[in-house]
Amino acid sequence: MSPMSGGVALDDRYRYLSLTTYRANGAEVATPVWFASGDGTFYVFTAGDSGKVKRLRRSPRARIAPCDARGKLHGAYRDATARLVTDTAVIRRAQAALGKKYGWQKWLLDLGSRLTGRIRRRAWIVIDV
């Protein structure tokens, strides 16, 4: 069963997810991200020093909605809880799900990240709705 977002099933048919996190002053920051679903959760990766990682360290409060690469919404936001994960088993599941969904694009992105050393600084996020 796919989690619902305002009547729109938020599943892998969408390529992007608008992930909204909150600044310390309560201001929302929405970012379109790649995502994959699995086991009733969503998996996302990002640069470990990104703003969304800093905001999630402060608070797990988040909102999600399907969107396009520029952040234009394709459904309503839904409240969610997002957390950074370091558990290697969870990260392996996330990598497999994202690799299956994005295929050669993820492989190419990973190659570039390996060559530049950024892959070691990657942060993994699990989102529950």
C-alpha atoms as a PDB file:
ATOM      1  CA  MET A   1       0.000   0.000   0.000  1.00  0.00           C
ATOM      2  CA  SER A   2       1.364   3.428  -0.925  1.00  0.00           C
ATOM      3  CA  PRO A   3       1.286   6.319   1.536  1.00  0.00           C
ATOM      4  CA  MET A   4      -1.239   8.904   0.441  1.00  0.00           C
ATOM      5  CA  SER A   5      -0.638  12.600  -0.036  1.00  0.00           C
ATOM      6  CA  GLY A   6      -3.786  14.655  -0.411  1.00  0.00           C
ATOM      7  CA  GLY A   7      -5.500  11.871  -2.352  1.00  0.00           C
ATOM      8  CA  VAL A   8      -2.439  11.297  -4.550  1.00  0.00           C
ATOM      9  CA  ALA A   9      -0.515   8.093  -3.905  1.00  0.00           C
ATOM     10  CA  LEU A  10       3.061   9.115  -3.222  1.00  0.00           C
ATOM     11  CA  ASP A  11       4.966   6.251  -4.774  1.00  0.00           C
ATOM     12  CA  ASP A  12       7.784   5.511  -7.175  1.00  0.00           C
ATOM     13  CA  ARG A  13       5.889   6.674 -10.270  1.00  0.00           C
ATOM     14  CA  TYR A  14       6.981  10.184  -9.250  1.00  0.00           C
ATOM     15  CA  ARG A  15      10.633  11.033  -9.796  1.00  0.00           C
ATOM     16  CA  TYR A  16      10.886  13.776  -7.184  1.00  0.00           C
ATOM     17  CA  LEU A  17       9.674  14.467  -3.700  1.00  0.00           C
ATOM     18  CA  SER A  18       9.385  17.943  -2.218  1.00  0.00           C
ATOM     19  CA  LEU A  19      10.953  17.588   1.213  1.00  0.00           C
ATOM     20  CA  THR A  20      10.144  20.501   3.492  1.00  0.00           C
ATOM     21  CA  THR A  21      12.247  20.959   6.618  1.00  0.00           C
ATOM     22  CA  TYR A  22      12.129  23.756   9.167  1.00  0.00           C
ATOM     23  CA  ARG A  23      14.645  26.367  10.221  1.00  0.00           C
ATOM     24  CA  ALA A  24      15.107  27.189  13.912  1.00  0.00           C
ATOM     25  CA  ASN A  25      12.835  30.229  13.458  1.00  0.00           C
ATOM     26  CA  GLY A  26      10.076  27.991  12.016  1.00  0.00           C
ATOM     27  CA  ALA A  27      10.527  29.039   8.388  1.00  0.00           C
ATOM     28  CA  GLU A  28       9.903  26.268   5.862  1.00  0.00           C
ATOM     29  CA  VAL A  29      12.510  25.248   3.300  1.00  0.00           C
ATOM     30  CA  ALA A  30      11.276  22.970   0.501  1.00  0.00           C
ATOM     31  CA  THR A  31      13.740  21.041  -1.637  1.00  0.00           C
ATOM     32  CA  PRO A  32      13.021  18.638  -4.516  1.00  0.00           C
ATOM     33  CA  VAL A  33      14.920  15.377  -3.961  1.00  0.00           C
ATOM     34  CA  TRP A  34      15.186  11.942  -5.516  1.00  0.00           C
ATOM     35  CA  PHE A  35      13.435   9.324  -3.420  1.00  0.00           C
ATOM     36  CA  ALA A  36      12.499   5.668  -3.380  1.00  0.00           C
ATOM     37  CA  SER A  37       9.857   3.964  -1.324  1.00  0.00           C
ATOM     38  CA  GLY A  38      10.158   0.714   0.519  1.00  0.00           C
ATOM     39  CA  ASP A  39       8.720  -0.961   3.604  1.00  0.00           C
ATOM     40  CA  GLY A  40       6.272   1.944   4.110  1.00  0.00           C
ATOM     41  CA  THR A  41       9.035   4.543   4.268  1.00  0.00           C
ATOM     42  CA  PHE A  42      10.831   6.825   1.847  1.00  0.00           C
ATOM     43  CA  TYR A  43      14.594   6.894   1.335  1.00  0.00           C
ATOM     44  CA  VAL A  44      16.526  10.017   0.349  1.00  0.00           C
ATOM     45  CA  PHE A  45      20.227  10.852   0.156  1.00  0.00           C
ATOM     46  CA  THR A  46      21.908  14.223   0.141  1.00  0.00           C
ATOM     47  CA  ALA A  47      25.202  15.945   0.853  1.00  0.00           C
ATOM     48  CA  GLY A  48      26.092  15.545   4.517  1.00  0.00           C
ATOM     49  CA  ASP A  49      26.716  19.267   4.918  1.00  0.00           C
ATOM     50  CA  SER A  50      23.478  20.390   3.254  1.00  0.00           C
ATOM     51  CA  GLY A  51      21.016  22.692   4.934  1.00  0.00           C
ATOM     52  CA  LYS A  52      18.347  20.005   5.158  1.00  0.00           C
ATOM     53  CA  VAL A  53      20.724  17.792   7.148  1.00  0.00           C
ATOM     54  CA  LYS A  54      21.447  20.630   9.574  1.00  0.00           C
ATOM     55  CA  ARG A  55      17.730  21.312   9.941  1.00  0.00           C
ATOM     56  CA  LEU A  56      16.910  17.627  10.494  1.00  0.00           C
ATOM     57  CA  ARG A  57      19.538  17.408  13.227  1.00  0.00           C
ATOM     58  CA  ARG A  58      17.543  20.105  15.007  1.00  0.00           C
ATOM     59  CA  SER A  59      14.073  18.671  14.389  1.00  0.00           C
ATOM     60  CA  PRO A  60      12.619  15.596  12.625  1.00  0.00           C
ATOM     61  CA  ARG A  61       9.525  17.589  11.623  1.00  0.00           C
ATOM     62  CA  ALA A  62       8.972  17.547   7.860  1.00  0.00           C
ATOM     63  CA  ARG A  63       6.372  17.648   5.113  1.00  0.00           C
ATOM     64  CA  ILE A  64       6.421  15.835   1.788  1.00  0.00           C
ATOM     65  CA  ALA A  65       4.594  16.028  -1.526  1.00  0.00           C
ATOM     66  CA  PRO A  66       5.198  14.726  -5.055  1.00  0.00           C
ATOM     67  CA  CYS A  67       6.819  17.318  -7.300  1.00  0.00           C
ATOM     68  CA  ASP A  68       8.911  17.863 -10.409  1.00  0.00           C
ATOM     69  CA  ALA A  69      12.641  18.632 -10.573  1.00  0.00           C
ATOM     70  CA  ARG A  70      11.993  22.340 -10.020  1.00  0.00           C
ATOM     71  CA  GLY A  71       9.754  21.797  -7.018  1.00  0.00           C
ATOM     72  CA  LYS A  72       6.360  22.334  -8.705  1.00  0.00           C
ATOM     73  CA  LEU A  73       3.933  20.287  -6.641  1.00  0.00           C
ATOM     74  CA  HIS A  74       1.880  17.440  -8.111  1.00  0.00           C
ATOM     75  CA  GLY A  75      -0.150  16.871  -4.944  1.00  0.00           C
ATOM     76  CA  ALA A  76      -0.797  18.194  -1.474  1.00  0.00           C
ATOM     77  CA  TYR A  77       1.737  18.188   1.325  1.00  0.00           C
ATOM     78  CA  ARG A  78       1.539  15.562   4.024  1.00  0.00           C
ATOM     79  CA  ASP A  79       3.128  15.804   7.471  1.00  0.00           C
ATOM     80  CA  ALA A  80       6.033  13.434   7.977  1.00  0.00           C
ATOM     81  CA  THR A  81       8.904  12.571  10.269  1.00  0.00           C
ATOM     82  CA  ALA A  82      12.388  12.497   8.753  1.00  0.00           C
ATOM     83  CA  ARG A  83      15.519  11.177  10.404  1.00  0.00           C
ATOM     84  CA  LEU A  84      19.152  10.794   9.492  1.00  0.00           C
ATOM     85  CA  VAL A  85      20.335   7.190   9.507  1.00  0.00           C
ATOM     86  CA  THR A  86      23.753   5.595   9.854  1.00  0.00           C
ATOM     87  CA  ASP A  87      22.651   1.948  10.150  1.00  0.00           C
ATOM     88  CA  THR A  88      24.413   0.134   7.286  1.00  0.00           C
ATOM     89  CA  ALA A  89      21.519  -2.307   6.756  1.00  0.00           C
ATOM     90  CA  VAL A  90      19.078   0.585   6.271  1.00  0.00           C
ATOM     91  CA  ILE A  91      21.528   2.382   3.978  1.00  0.00           C
ATOM     92  CA  ARG A  92      21.947  -0.781   1.873  1.00  0.00           C
ATOM     93  CA  ARG A  93      18.152  -1.028   1.500  1.00  0.00           C
ATOM     94  CA  ALA A  94      18.009   2.642   0.544  1.00  0.00           C
ATOM     95  CA  GLN A  95      20.823   2.262  -1.996  1.00  0.00           C
ATOM     96  CA  ALA A  96      19.128  -0.761  -3.566  1.00  0.00           C
ATOM     97  CA  ALA A  97      15.745   0.974  -3.782  1.00  0.00           C
ATOM     98  CA  LEU A  98      17.211   4.156  -5.281  1.00  0.00           C
ATOM     99  CA  GLY A  99      19.417   2.176  -7.667  1.00  0.00           C
ATOM    100  CA  LYS A 100      16.437   0.163  -8.870  1.00  0.00           C
ATOM    101  CA  LYS A 101      14.370   3.299  -9.425  1.00  0.00           C
ATOM    102  CA  TYR A 102      16.963   5.598 -11.040  1.00  0.00           C
ATOM    103  CA  GLY A 103      19.233   2.987 -12.660  1.00  0.00           C
ATOM    104  CA  TRP A 104      22.039   4.402 -14.771  1.00  0.00           C
ATOM    105  CA  GLN A 105      21.383   7.947 -13.528  1.00  0.00           C
ATOM    106  CA  LYS A 106      22.121   6.956  -9.924  1.00  0.00           C
ATOM    107  CA  TRP A 107      25.110   4.914 -11.052  1.00  0.00           C
ATOM    108  CA  LEU A 108      26.526   7.936 -12.884  1.00  0.00           C
ATOM    109  CA  LEU A 109      25.874  10.248  -9.932  1.00  0.00           C
ATOM    110  CA  ASP A 110      27.578   7.763  -7.595  1.00  0.00           C
ATOM    111  CA  LEU A 111      30.576   7.536  -9.926  1.00  0.00           C
ATOM    112  CA  GLY A 112      30.986  11.312  -9.911  1.00  0.00           C
ATOM    113  CA  SER A 113      30.615  11.370  -6.137  1.00  0.00           C
ATOM    114  CA  ARG A 114      33.255   8.646  -5.742  1.00  0.00           C
ATOM    115  CA  LEU A 115      35.702  10.464  -8.009  1.00  0.00           C
ATOM    116  CA  THR A 116      35.316  13.716  -6.068  1.00  0.00           C
ATOM    117  CA  GLY A 117      35.217  12.083  -2.617  1.00  0.00           C
ATOM    118  CA  ARG A 118      31.724  13.413  -1.876  1.00  0.00           C
ATOM    119  CA  ILE A 119      30.234   9.928  -1.519  1.00  0.00           C
ATOM    120  CA  ARG A 120      31.929   9.562   1.893  1.00  0.00           C
ATOM    121  CA  ARG A 121      30.092  12.681   3.095  1.00  0.00           C
ATOM    122  CA  ARG A 122      26.675  11.519   1.885  1.00  0.00           C
ATOM    123  CA  ALA A 123      23.823  11.592   4.400  1.00  0.00           C
ATOM    124  CA  TRP A 124      20.904   9.175   4.305  1.00  0.00           C
ATOM    125  CA  ILE A 125      17.394  10.174   5.328  1.00  0.00           C
ATOM    126  CA  VAL A 126      14.436   7.948   6.134  1.00  0.00           C
ATOM    127  CA  ILE A 127      11.005   9.566   6.000  1.00  0.00           C
ATOM    128  CA  ASP A 128       7.938   8.098   7.713  1.00  0.00           C
ATOM    129  CA  VAL A 129       4.392   9.328   7.063  1.00  0.00           C
END
